[in-house]
Amino acid sequence: MSQITTHILDTSKGKPAWGLAIILYKKVGTEWIQVAKGITNKDGRLSNLLTEDELLPYAIYKLNFDTKHYFDTLEIETLYPFVEIIFEVKTTEHYHIPLLLNPFGYSTYRGS
């Protein structure tokens, strides 16, 4: 499993958000450098963003979720064209960053 994983639940439907594109960036100085990208599976999960043995250096990262494309596909208007979650990797531990999403709100937390 990747050191960084995510799971997206569309709380307006009570179902996983599948087919949603995600990009992982690393902060380098004032720039954001793309590290990896992927798309959620039918369970709304992205568990292979990085290779199993790839460990990220301690730094600040962000996950960019393409929520506009996801909601456009469902023909649902959304206030948020994308969601970005910024977090800091301080250990070699697993970081699970879930997203609870609906067209007009979202929340996140560090999962397990």
PDB file of N, CA and C in Angstrom:
ATOM      1  N   MET A   1       0.841  -1.177   0.000  1.00  0.00           N
ATOM      2  CA  MET A   1       0.000   0.000   0.000  1.00  0.00           C
ATOM      3  C   MET A   1       0.888   1.243   0.000  1.00  0.00           C
ATOM      4  N   SER A   2       0.441   2.285  -0.642  1.00  0.00           N
ATOM      5  CA  SER A   2       1.135   3.565  -0.718  1.00  0.00           C
ATOM      6  C   SER A   2       1.244   4.216   0.660  1.00  0.00           C
ATOM      7  N   GLN A   3       2.294   5.004   0.878  1.00  0.00           N
ATOM      8  CA  GLN A   3       2.438   5.738   2.141  1.00  0.00           C
ATOM      9  C   GLN A   3       1.300   6.743   2.306  1.00  0.00           C
ATOM     10  N   ILE A   4       0.787   7.272   1.194  1.00  0.00           N
ATOM     11  CA  ILE A   4      -0.331   8.213   1.229  1.00  0.00           C
ATOM     12  C   ILE A   4      -1.506   7.577   0.509  1.00  0.00           C
ATOM     13  N   THR A   5      -2.635   7.498   1.198  1.00  0.00           N
ATOM     14  CA  THR A   5      -3.859   6.966   0.601  1.00  0.00           C
ATOM     15  C   THR A   5      -5.002   7.922   0.895  1.00  0.00           C
ATOM     16  N   THR A   6      -6.098   7.754   0.154  1.00  0.00           N
ATOM     17  CA  THR A   6      -7.279   8.567   0.385  1.00  0.00           C
ATOM     18  C   THR A   6      -8.527   7.756   0.073  1.00  0.00           C
ATOM     19  N   HIS A   7      -9.631   8.232   0.576  1.00  0.00           N
ATOM     20  CA  HIS A   7     -10.942   7.631   0.345  1.00  0.00           C
ATOM     21  C   HIS A   7     -11.925   8.779   0.287  1.00  0.00           C
ATOM     22  N   ILE A   8     -12.759   8.804  -0.734  1.00  0.00           N
ATOM     23  CA  ILE A   8     -13.721   9.896  -0.869  1.00  0.00           C
ATOM     24  C   ILE A   8     -15.130   9.337  -0.788  1.00  0.00           C
ATOM     25  N   LEU A   9     -15.898   9.900   0.123  1.00  0.00           N
ATOM     26  CA  LEU A   9     -17.300   9.535   0.271  1.00  0.00           C
ATOM     27  C   LEU A   9     -18.147  10.741  -0.122  1.00  0.00           C
ATOM     28  N   ASP A  10     -19.021  10.553  -1.085  1.00  0.00           N
ATOM     29  CA  ASP A  10     -19.972  11.595  -1.476  1.00  0.00           C
ATOM     30  C   ASP A  10     -21.133  11.515  -0.488  1.00  0.00           C
ATOM     31  N   THR A  11     -21.134  12.408   0.484  1.00  0.00           N
ATOM     32  CA  THR A  11     -22.137  12.342   1.557  1.00  0.00           C
ATOM     33  C   THR A  11     -23.530  12.722   1.065  1.00  0.00           C
ATOM     34  N   SER A  12     -23.641  13.387  -0.085  1.00  0.00           N
ATOM     35  CA  SER A  12     -24.963  13.708  -0.618  1.00  0.00           C
ATOM     36  C   SER A  12     -25.647  12.464  -1.181  1.00  0.00           C
ATOM     37  N   LYS A  13     -24.843  11.467  -1.571  1.00  0.00           N
ATOM     38  CA  LYS A  13     -25.382  10.210  -2.100  1.00  0.00           C
ATOM     39  C   LYS A  13     -25.222   9.065  -1.107  1.00  0.00           C
ATOM     40  N   GLY A  14     -24.342   9.256  -0.118  1.00  0.00           N
ATOM     41  CA  GLY A  14     -24.050   8.175   0.813  1.00  0.00           C
ATOM     42  C   GLY A  14     -23.283   7.057   0.152  1.00  0.00           C
ATOM     43  N   LYS A  15     -22.481   7.399  -0.875  1.00  0.00           N
ATOM     44  CA  LYS A  15     -21.743   6.398  -1.637  1.00  0.00           C
ATOM     45  C   LYS A  15     -20.330   6.901  -1.929  1.00  0.00           C
ATOM     46  N   PRO A  16     -19.436   5.981  -2.268  1.00  0.00           N
ATOM     47  CA  PRO A  16     -18.075   6.390  -2.635  1.00  0.00           C
ATOM     48  C   PRO A  16     -18.081   7.245  -3.902  1.00  0.00           C
ATOM     49  N   ALA A  17     -17.139   8.170  -3.962  1.00  0.00           N
ATOM     50  CA  ALA A  17     -16.956   9.013  -5.153  1.00  0.00           C
ATOM     51  C   ALA A  17     -15.878   8.368  -6.008  1.00  0.00           C
ATOM     52  N   TRP A  18     -16.278   7.658  -7.054  1.00  0.00           N
ATOM     53  CA  TRP A  18     -15.308   6.966  -7.897  1.00  0.00           C
ATOM     54  C   TRP A  18     -15.067   7.742  -9.182  1.00  0.00           C
ATOM     55  N   GLY A  19     -13.890   7.523  -9.762  1.00  0.00           N
ATOM     56  CA  GLY A  19     -13.514   8.209 -10.996  1.00  0.00           C
ATOM     57  C   GLY A  19     -13.048   9.633 -10.773  1.00  0.00           C
ATOM     58  N   LEU A  20     -12.704   9.978  -9.543  1.00  0.00           N
ATOM     59  CA  LEU A  20     -12.299  11.336  -9.211  1.00  0.00           C
ATOM     60  C   LEU A  20     -10.775  11.446  -9.286  1.00  0.00           C
ATOM     61  N   ALA A  21     -10.283  12.386 -10.093  1.00  0.00           N
ATOM     62  CA  ALA A  21      -8.839  12.565 -10.290  1.00  0.00           C
ATOM     63  C   ALA A  21      -8.219  13.302  -9.107  1.00  0.00           C
ATOM     64  N   ILE A  22      -7.030  12.830  -8.708  1.00  0.00           N
ATOM     65  CA  ILE A  22      -6.307  13.404  -7.569  1.00  0.00           C
ATOM     66  C   ILE A  22      -4.845  13.584  -7.966  1.00  0.00           C
ATOM     67  N   ILE A  23      -4.280  14.728  -7.574  1.00  0.00           N
ATOM     68  CA  ILE A  23      -2.858  14.986  -7.806  1.00  0.00           C
ATOM     69  C   ILE A  23      -2.202  15.279  -6.459  1.00  0.00           C
ATOM     70  N   LEU A  24      -1.053  14.656  -6.212  1.00  0.00           N
ATOM     71  CA  LEU A  24      -0.262  14.907  -5.012  1.00  0.00           C
ATOM     72  C   LEU A  24       0.881  15.847  -5.384  1.00  0.00           C
ATOM     73  N   TYR A  25       1.018  16.928  -4.603  1.00  0.00           N
ATOM     74  CA  TYR A  25       2.086  17.903  -4.796  1.00  0.00           C
ATOM     75  C   TYR A  25       2.950  17.992  -3.548  1.00  0.00           C
ATOM     76  N   LYS A  26       4.218  18.359  -3.730  1.00  0.00           N
ATOM     77  CA  LYS A  26       5.147  18.631  -2.633  1.00  0.00           C
ATOM     78  C   LYS A  26       5.533  20.102  -2.698  1.00  0.00           C
ATOM     79  N   LYS A  27       5.580  20.743  -1.531  1.00  0.00           N
ATOM     80  CA  LYS A  27       5.986  22.149  -1.472  1.00  0.00           C
ATOM     81  C   LYS A  27       7.510  22.226  -1.450  1.00  0.00           C
ATOM     82  N   VAL A  28       8.053  22.953  -2.407  1.00  0.00           N
ATOM     83  CA  VAL A  28       9.500  23.172  -2.499  1.00  0.00           C
ATOM     84  C   VAL A  28       9.695  24.677  -2.598  1.00  0.00           C
ATOM     85  N   GLY A  29      10.152  25.287  -1.499  1.00  0.00           N
ATOM     86  CA  GLY A  29      10.242  26.755  -1.456  1.00  0.00           C
ATOM     87  C   GLY A  29       8.851  27.342  -1.544  1.00  0.00           C
ATOM     88  N   THR A  30       8.610  28.159  -2.573  1.00  0.00           N
ATOM     89  CA  THR A  30       7.275  28.741  -2.770  1.00  0.00           C
ATOM     90  C   THR A  30       6.505  28.023  -3.878  1.00  0.00           C
ATOM     91  N   GLU A  31       7.088  26.984  -4.440  1.00  0.00           N
ATOM     92  CA  GLU A  31       6.484  26.250  -5.553  1.00  0.00           C
ATOM     93  C   GLU A  31       5.843  24.942  -5.074  1.00  0.00           C
ATOM     94  N   TRP A  32       4.872  24.460  -5.845  1.00  0.00           N
ATOM     95  CA  TRP A  32       4.270  23.143  -5.647  1.00  0.00           C
ATOM     96  C   TRP A  32       4.682  22.264  -6.818  1.00  0.00           C
ATOM     97  N   ILE A  33       5.354  21.160  -6.531  1.00  0.00           N
ATOM     98  CA  ILE A  33       5.866  20.246  -7.544  1.00  0.00           C
ATOM     99  C   ILE A  33       5.016  18.978  -7.530  1.00  0.00           C
ATOM    100  N   GLN A  34       4.527  18.572  -8.713  1.00  0.00           N
ATOM    101  CA  GLN A  34       3.710  17.356  -8.794  1.00  0.00           C
ATOM    102  C   GLN A  34       4.560  16.132  -8.496  1.00  0.00           C
ATOM    103  N   VAL A  35       4.043  15.281  -7.601  1.00  0.00           N
ATOM    104  CA  VAL A  35       4.727  14.047  -7.198  1.00  0.00           C
ATOM    105  C   VAL A  35       4.068  12.826  -7.818  1.00  0.00           C
ATOM    106  N   ALA A  36       2.739  12.804  -7.824  1.00  0.00           N
ATOM    107  CA  ALA A  36       2.007  11.635  -8.314  1.00  0.00           C
ATOM    108  C   ALA A  36       0.574  12.042  -8.633  1.00  0.00           C
ATOM    109  N   LYS A  37      -0.122  11.168  -9.365  1.00  0.00           N
ATOM    110  CA  LYS A  37      -1.539  11.395  -9.641  1.00  0.00           C
ATOM    111  C   LYS A  37      -2.236  10.061  -9.813  1.00  0.00           C
ATOM    112  N   GLY A  38      -3.550  10.086  -9.614  1.00  0.00           N
ATOM    113  CA  GLY A  38      -4.318   8.863  -9.740  1.00  0.00           C
ATOM    114  C   GLY A  38      -5.803   9.161  -9.774  1.00  0.00           C
ATOM    115  N   ILE A  39      -6.601   8.109  -9.867  1.00  0.00           N
ATOM    116  CA  ILE A  39      -8.060   8.226  -9.937  1.00  0.00           C
ATOM    117  C   ILE A  39      -8.665   7.230  -8.958  1.00  0.00           C
ATOM    118  N   THR A  40      -9.692   7.662  -8.242  1.00  0.00           N
ATOM    119  CA  THR A  40     -10.329   6.782  -7.266  1.00  0.00           C
ATOM    120  C   THR A  40     -11.021   5.608  -7.962  1.00  0.00           C
ATOM    121  N   ASN A  41     -11.004   4.460  -7.275  1.00  0.00           N
ATOM    122  CA  ASN A  41     -11.637   3.254  -7.801  1.00  0.00           C
ATOM    123  C   ASN A  41     -13.129   3.234  -7.455  1.00  0.00           C
ATOM    124  N   LYS A  42     -13.795   2.140  -7.766  1.00  0.00           N
ATOM    125  CA  LYS A  42     -15.258   2.023  -7.526  1.00  0.00           C
ATOM    126  C   LYS A  42     -15.631   2.164  -6.058  1.00  0.00           C
ATOM    127  N   ASP A  43     -14.669   1.923  -5.161  1.00  0.00           N
ATOM    128  CA  ASP A  43     -14.907   2.078  -3.725  1.00  0.00           C
ATOM    129  C   ASP A  43     -14.524   3.481  -3.248  1.00  0.00           C
ATOM    130  N   GLY A  44     -14.172   4.381  -4.186  1.00  0.00           N
ATOM    131  CA  GLY A  44     -13.793   5.743  -3.829  1.00  0.00           C
ATOM    132  C   GLY A  44     -12.406   5.835  -3.222  1.00  0.00           C
ATOM    133  N   ARG A  45     -11.604   4.804  -3.394  1.00  0.00           N
ATOM    134  CA  ARG A  45     -10.276   4.756  -2.778  1.00  0.00           C
ATOM    135  C   ARG A  45      -9.163   4.934  -3.803  1.00  0.00           C
ATOM    136  N   LEU A  46      -8.069   5.496  -3.326  1.00  0.00           N
ATOM    137  CA  LEU A  46      -6.835   5.566  -4.098  1.00  0.00           C
ATOM    138  C   LEU A  46      -5.727   5.087  -3.168  1.00  0.00           C
ATOM    139  N   SER A  47      -5.361   3.827  -3.327  1.00  0.00           N
ATOM    140  CA  SER A  47      -4.378   3.227  -2.422  1.00  0.00           C
ATOM    141  C   SER A  47      -3.035   2.980  -3.089  1.00  0.00           C
ATOM    142  N   ASN A  48      -2.923   3.305  -4.389  1.00  0.00           N
ATOM    143  CA  ASN A  48      -1.667   3.080  -5.105  1.00  0.00           C
ATOM    144  C   ASN A  48      -1.093   4.374  -5.676  1.00  0.00           C
ATOM    145  N   LEU A  49      -1.271   5.467  -4.969  1.00  0.00           N
ATOM    146  CA  LEU A  49      -0.760   6.760  -5.420  1.00  0.00           C
ATOM    147  C   LEU A  49       0.762   6.719  -5.558  1.00  0.00           C
ATOM    148  N   LEU A  50       1.424   6.095  -4.597  1.00  0.00           N
ATOM    149  CA  LEU A  50       2.868   5.888  -4.632  1.00  0.00           C
ATOM    150  C   LEU A  50       3.124   4.390  -4.668  1.00  0.00           C
ATOM    151  N   THR A  51       4.315   3.992  -5.090  1.00  0.00           N
ATOM    152  CA  THR A  51       4.642   2.576  -5.039  1.00  0.00           C
ATOM    153  C   THR A  51       4.766   2.152  -3.581  1.00  0.00           C
ATOM    154  N   GLU A  52       4.616   0.872  -3.336  1.00  0.00           N
ATOM    155  CA  GLU A  52       4.586   0.348  -1.968  1.00  0.00           C
ATOM    156  C   GLU A  52       5.852   0.678  -1.181  1.00  0.00           C
ATOM    157  N   ASP A  53       7.011   0.661  -1.831  1.00  0.00           N
ATOM    158  CA  ASP A  53       8.274   0.900  -1.121  1.00  0.00           C
ATOM    159  C   ASP A  53       8.746   2.356  -1.179  1.00  0.00           C
ATOM    160  N   GLU A  54       7.967   3.221  -1.832  1.00  0.00           N
ATOM    161  CA  GLU A  54       8.353   4.632  -1.965  1.00  0.00           C
ATOM    162  C   GLU A  54       7.954   5.412  -0.717  1.00  0.00           C
ATOM    163  N   LEU A  55       8.939   6.008  -0.026  1.00  0.00           N
ATOM    164  CA  LEU A  55       8.673   6.831   1.150  1.00  0.00           C
ATOM    165  C   LEU A  55       8.957   8.287   0.813  1.00  0.00           C
ATOM    166  N   LEU A  56       8.056   9.147   1.225  1.00  0.00           N
ATOM    167  CA  LEU A  56       8.220  10.568   0.947  1.00  0.00           C
ATOM    168  C   LEU A  56       9.138  11.214   1.973  1.00  0.00           C
ATOM    169  N   PRO A  57       9.961  12.161   1.533  1.00  0.00           N
ATOM    170  CA  PRO A  57      10.771  12.907   2.495  1.00  0.00           C
ATOM    171  C   PRO A  57       9.870  13.805   3.342  1.00  0.00           C
ATOM    172  N   TYR A  58      10.341  14.110   4.530  1.00  0.00           N
ATOM    173  CA  TYR A  58       9.566  14.987   5.408  1.00  0.00           C
ATOM    174  C   TYR A  58       9.415  16.331   4.708  1.00  0.00           C
ATOM    175  N   ALA A  59       8.169  16.763   4.565  1.00  0.00           N
ATOM    176  CA  ALA A  59       7.873  18.005   3.859  1.00  0.00           C
ATOM    177  C   ALA A  59       6.382  18.291   3.972  1.00  0.00           C
ATOM    178  N   ILE A  60       5.961  19.374   3.350  1.00  0.00           N
ATOM    179  CA  ILE A  60       4.553  19.732   3.271  1.00  0.00           C
ATOM    180  C   ILE A  60       4.040  19.288   1.898  1.00  0.00           C
ATOM    181  N   TYR A  61       2.870  18.652   1.902  1.00  0.00           N
ATOM    182  CA  TYR A  61       2.265  18.116   0.687  1.00  0.00           C
ATOM    183  C   TYR A  61       0.828  18.606   0.585  1.00  0.00           C
ATOM    184  N   LYS A  62       0.267  18.481  -0.612  1.00  0.00           N
ATOM    185  CA  LYS A  62      -1.167  18.725  -0.762  1.00  0.00           C
ATOM    186  C   LYS A  62      -1.746  17.742  -1.756  1.00  0.00           C
ATOM    187  N   LEU A  63      -2.965  17.359  -1.484  1.00  0.00           N
ATOM    188  CA  LEU A  63      -3.755  16.561  -2.394  1.00  0.00           C
ATOM    189  C   LEU A  63      -4.763  17.489  -3.059  1.00  0.00           C
ATOM    190  N   ASN A  64      -4.803  17.472  -4.383  1.00  0.00           N
ATOM    191  CA  ASN A  64      -5.752  18.270  -5.153  1.00  0.00           C
ATOM    192  C   ASN A  64      -6.796  17.317  -5.726  1.00  0.00           C
ATOM    193  N   PHE A  65      -8.049  17.527  -5.360  1.00  0.00           N
ATOM    194  CA  PHE A  65      -9.163  16.689  -5.788  1.00  0.00           C
ATOM    195  C   PHE A  65      -9.972  17.439  -6.849  1.00  0.00           C
ATOM    196  N   ASP A  66     -10.147  16.867  -8.030  1.00  0.00           N
ATOM    197  CA  ASP A  66     -10.878  17.502  -9.131  1.00  0.00           C
ATOM    198  C   ASP A  66     -12.383  17.277  -8.957  1.00  0.00           C
ATOM    199  N   THR A  67     -12.976  18.026  -8.037  1.00  0.00           N
ATOM    200  CA  THR A  67     -14.388  17.830  -7.694  1.00  0.00           C
ATOM    201  C   THR A  67     -15.329  18.351  -8.781  1.00  0.00           C
ATOM    202  N   LYS A  68     -14.928  19.371  -9.532  1.00  0.00           N
ATOM    203  CA  LYS A  68     -15.798  19.900 -10.591  1.00  0.00           C
ATOM    204  C   LYS A  68     -16.087  18.840 -11.642  1.00  0.00           C
ATOM    205  N   HIS A  69     -15.054  18.165 -12.110  1.00  0.00           N
ATOM    206  CA  HIS A  69     -15.256  17.131 -13.125  1.00  0.00           C
ATOM    207  C   HIS A  69     -16.159  16.015 -12.585  1.00  0.00           C
ATOM    208  N   TYR A  70     -15.935  15.635 -11.331  1.00  0.00           N
ATOM    209  CA  TYR A  70     -16.759  14.595 -10.710  1.00  0.00           C
ATOM    210  C   TYR A  70     -18.233  15.001 -10.701  1.00  0.00           C
ATOM    211  N   PHE A  71     -18.532  16.222 -10.205  1.00  0.00           N
ATOM    212  CA  PHE A  71     -19.926  16.659 -10.133  1.00  0.00           C
ATOM    213  C   PHE A  71     -20.504  16.967 -11.512  1.00  0.00           C
ATOM    214  N   ASP A  72     -19.676  17.481 -12.453  1.00  0.00           N
ATOM    215  CA  ASP A  72     -20.149  17.698 -13.824  1.00  0.00           C
ATOM    216  C   ASP A  72     -20.622  16.390 -14.444  1.00  0.00           C
ATOM    217  N   THR A  73     -19.888  15.313 -14.191  1.00  0.00           N
ATOM    218  CA  THR A  73     -20.258  14.001 -14.718  1.00  0.00           C
ATOM    219  C   THR A  73     -21.634  13.569 -14.207  1.00  0.00           C
ATOM    220  N   LEU A  74     -21.948  13.961 -12.974  1.00  0.00           N
ATOM    221  CA  LEU A  74     -23.247  13.631 -12.370  1.00  0.00           C
ATOM    222  C   LEU A  74     -24.325  14.669 -12.689  1.00  0.00           C
ATOM    223  N   GLU A  75     -23.925  15.723 -13.436  1.00  0.00           N
ATOM    224  CA  GLU A  75     -24.817  16.845 -13.762  1.00  0.00           C
ATOM    225  C   GLU A  75     -25.349  17.516 -12.504  1.00  0.00           C
ATOM    226  N   ILE A  76     -24.417  17.731 -11.559  1.00  0.00           N
ATOM    227  CA  ILE A  76     -24.731  18.404 -10.298  1.00  0.00           C
ATOM    228  C   ILE A  76     -23.854  19.636 -10.175  1.00  0.00           C
ATOM    229  N   GLU A  77     -24.469  20.766  -9.857  1.00  0.00           N
ATOM    230  CA  GLU A  77     -23.719  22.002  -9.655  1.00  0.00           C
ATOM    231  C   GLU A  77     -22.968  21.922  -8.328  1.00  0.00           C
ATOM    232  N   THR A  78     -21.743  22.459  -8.315  1.00  0.00           N
ATOM    233  CA  THR A  78     -20.948  22.481  -7.083  1.00  0.00           C
ATOM    234  C   THR A  78     -20.352  23.859  -6.851  1.00  0.00           C
ATOM    235  N   LEU A  79     -20.165  24.199  -5.614  1.00  0.00           N
ATOM    236  CA  LEU A  79     -19.527  25.461  -5.260  1.00  0.00           C
ATOM    237  C   LEU A  79     -18.011  25.357  -5.367  1.00  0.00           C
ATOM    238  N   TYR A  80     -17.468  24.159  -5.190  1.00  0.00           N
ATOM    239  CA  TYR A  80     -16.024  23.953  -5.130  1.00  0.00           C
ATOM    240  C   TYR A  80     -15.525  23.215  -6.372  1.00  0.00           C
ATOM    241  N   PRO A  81     -14.838  23.916  -7.295  1.00  0.00           N
ATOM    242  CA  PRO A  81     -14.323  23.250  -8.492  1.00  0.00           C
ATOM    243  C   PRO A  81     -13.198  22.267  -8.174  1.00  0.00           C
ATOM    244  N   PHE A  82     -12.514  22.478  -7.074  1.00  0.00           N
ATOM    245  CA  PHE A  82     -11.520  21.527  -6.588  1.00  0.00           C
ATOM    246  C   PHE A  82     -11.371  21.726  -5.089  1.00  0.00           C
ATOM    247  N   VAL A  83     -10.858  20.692  -4.449  1.00  0.00           N
ATOM    248  CA  VAL A  83     -10.570  20.747  -3.017  1.00  0.00           C
ATOM    249  C   VAL A  83      -9.088  20.442  -2.860  1.00  0.00           C
ATOM    250  N   GLU A  84      -8.401  21.243  -2.052  1.00  0.00           N
ATOM    251  CA  GLU A  84      -7.002  20.976  -1.755  1.00  0.00           C
ATOM    252  C   GLU A  84      -6.838  20.775  -0.255  1.00  0.00           C
ATOM    253  N   ILE A  85      -6.186  19.686   0.092  1.00  0.00           N
ATOM    254  CA  ILE A  85      -5.902  19.381   1.487  1.00  0.00           C
ATOM    255  C   ILE A  85      -4.390  19.421   1.651  1.00  0.00           C
ATOM    256  N   ILE A  86      -3.930  20.325   2.493  1.00  0.00           N
ATOM    257  CA  ILE A  86      -2.495  20.492   2.739  1.00  0.00           C
ATOM    258  C   ILE A  86      -2.167  19.847   4.079  1.00  0.00           C
ATOM    259  N   PHE A  87      -1.086  19.060   4.088  1.00  0.00           N
ATOM    260  CA  PHE A  87      -0.700  18.346   5.300  1.00  0.00           C
ATOM    261  C   PHE A  87       0.813  18.192   5.325  1.00  0.00           C
ATOM    262  N   GLU A  88       1.340  17.857   6.504  1.00  0.00           N
ATOM    263  CA  GLU A  88       2.784  17.722   6.673  1.00  0.00           C
ATOM    264  C   GLU A  88       3.151  16.280   6.988  1.00  0.00           C
ATOM    265  N   VAL A  89       4.082  15.734   6.223  1.00  0.00           N
ATOM    266  CA  VAL A  89       4.611  14.399   6.478  1.00  0.00           C
ATOM    267  C   VAL A  89       5.819  14.568   7.396  1.00  0.00           C
ATOM    268  N   LYS A  90       5.728  13.969   8.589  1.00  0.00           N
ATOM    269  CA  LYS A  90       6.790  14.112   9.585  1.00  0.00           C
ATOM    270  C   LYS A  90       7.438  12.791   9.960  1.00  0.00           C
ATOM    271  N   THR A  91       6.870  11.681   9.466  1.00  0.00           N
ATOM    272  CA  THR A  91       7.388  10.352   9.800  1.00  0.00           C
ATOM    273  C   THR A  91       7.282   9.464   8.556  1.00  0.00           C
ATOM    274  N   THR A  92       7.761   8.259   8.679  1.00  0.00           N
ATOM    275  CA  THR A  92       7.607   7.293   7.582  1.00  0.00           C
ATOM    276  C   THR A  92       6.306   6.494   7.728  1.00  0.00           C
ATOM    277  N   GLU A  93       5.445   6.915   8.643  1.00  0.00           N
ATOM    278  CA  GLU A  93       4.163   6.234   8.857  1.00  0.00           C
ATOM    279  C   GLU A  93       3.254   6.383   7.637  1.00  0.00           C
ATOM    280  N   HIS A  94       2.187   5.606   7.633  1.00  0.00           N
ATOM    281  CA  HIS A  94       1.141   5.703   6.628  1.00  0.00           C
ATOM    282  C   HIS A  94       0.279   6.933   6.920  1.00  0.00           C
ATOM    283  N   TYR A  95      -0.063   7.680   5.887  1.00  0.00           N
ATOM    284  CA  TYR A  95      -0.938   8.848   6.005  1.00  0.00           C
ATOM    285  C   TYR A  95      -2.184   8.595   5.159  1.00  0.00           C
ATOM    286  N   HIS A  96      -3.324   8.423   5.833  1.00  0.00           N
ATOM    287  CA  HIS A  96      -4.594   8.245   5.138  1.00  0.00           C
ATOM    288  C   HIS A  96      -5.368   9.548   5.286  1.00  0.00           C
ATOM    289  N   ILE A  97      -5.674  10.184   4.145  1.00  0.00           N
ATOM    290  CA  ILE A  97      -6.319  11.495   4.137  1.00  0.00           C
ATOM    291  C   ILE A  97      -7.681  11.366   3.450  1.00  0.00           C
ATOM    292  N   PRO A  98      -8.741  11.042   4.199  1.00  0.00           N
ATOM    293  CA  PRO A  98     -10.071  10.894   3.606  1.00  0.00           C
ATOM    294  C   PRO A  98     -10.719  12.255   3.326  1.00  0.00           C
ATOM    295  N   LEU A  99     -11.663  12.229   2.393  1.00  0.00           N
ATOM    296  CA  LEU A  99     -12.436  13.428   2.068  1.00  0.00           C
ATOM    297  C   LEU A  99     -13.914  13.061   2.099  1.00  0.00           C
ATOM    298  N   LEU A 100     -14.670  13.760   2.935  1.00  0.00           N
ATOM    299  CA  LEU A 100     -16.128  13.649   2.960  1.00  0.00           C
ATOM    300  C   LEU A 100     -16.637  14.827   2.135  1.00  0.00           C
ATOM    301  N   LEU A 101     -17.346  14.548   1.065  1.00  0.00           N
ATOM    302  CA  LEU A 101     -17.640  15.542   0.042  1.00  0.00           C
ATOM    303  C   LEU A 101     -19.120  15.621  -0.270  1.00  0.00           C
ATOM    304  N   ASN A 102     -19.605  16.839  -0.493  1.00  0.00           N
ATOM    305  CA  ASN A 102     -20.917  17.051  -1.096  1.00  0.00           C
ATOM    306  C   ASN A 102     -20.805  18.312  -1.959  1.00  0.00           C
ATOM    307  N   PRO A 103     -21.786  18.645  -2.770  1.00  0.00           N
ATOM    308  CA  PRO A 103     -21.632  19.759  -3.702  1.00  0.00           C
ATOM    309  C   PRO A 103     -21.363  21.117  -3.048  1.00  0.00           C
ATOM    310  N   PHE A 104     -21.738  21.273  -1.782  1.00  0.00           N
ATOM    311  CA  PHE A 104     -21.595  22.577  -1.144  1.00  0.00           C
ATOM    312  C   PHE A 104     -20.839  22.534   0.176  1.00  0.00           C
ATOM    313  N   GLY A 105     -20.044  21.473   0.364  1.00  0.00           N
ATOM    314  CA  GLY A 105     -19.236  21.386   1.573  1.00  0.00           C
ATOM    315  C   GLY A 105     -18.338  20.165   1.551  1.00  0.00           C
ATOM    316  N   TYR A 106     -17.355  20.177   2.441  1.00  0.00           N
ATOM    317  CA  TYR A 106     -16.461  19.029   2.569  1.00  0.00           C
ATOM    318  C   TYR A 106     -15.770  19.086   3.923  1.00  0.00           C
ATOM    319  N   SER A 107     -15.255  17.929   4.358  1.00  0.00           N
ATOM    320  CA  SER A 107     -14.439  17.869   5.562  1.00  0.00           C
ATOM    321  C   SER A 107     -13.413  16.756   5.389  1.00  0.00           C
ATOM    322  N   THR A 108     -12.389  16.786   6.236  1.00  0.00           N
ATOM    323  CA  THR A 108     -11.329  15.811   6.169  1.00  0.00           C
ATOM    324  C   THR A 108     -10.779  15.561   7.558  1.00  0.00           C
ATOM    325  N   TYR A 109      -9.975  14.537   7.673  1.00  0.00           N
ATOM    326  CA  TYR A 109      -9.349  14.188   8.947  1.00  0.00           C
ATOM    327  C   TYR A 109      -8.208  13.217   8.624  1.00  0.00           C
ATOM    328  N   ARG A 110      -7.365  12.918   9.601  1.00  0.00           N
ATOM    329  CA  ARG A 110      -6.342  11.901   9.385  1.00  0.00           C
ATOM    330  C   ARG A 110      -6.945  10.549   9.771  1.00  0.00           C
ATOM    331  N   GLY A 111      -7.074   9.698   8.797  1.00  0.00           N
ATOM    332  CA  GLY A 111      -7.635   8.383   9.026  1.00  0.00           C
ATOM    333  C   GLY A 111      -6.573   7.367   9.354  1.00  0.00           C
ATOM    334  N   SER A 112      -6.963   6.109   9.328  1.00  0.00           N
ATOM    335  CA  SER A 112      -6.008   5.048   9.634  1.00  0.00           C
ATOM    336  C   SER A 112      -5.939   4.046   8.499  1.00  0.00           C
TER     337      SER A 112
END
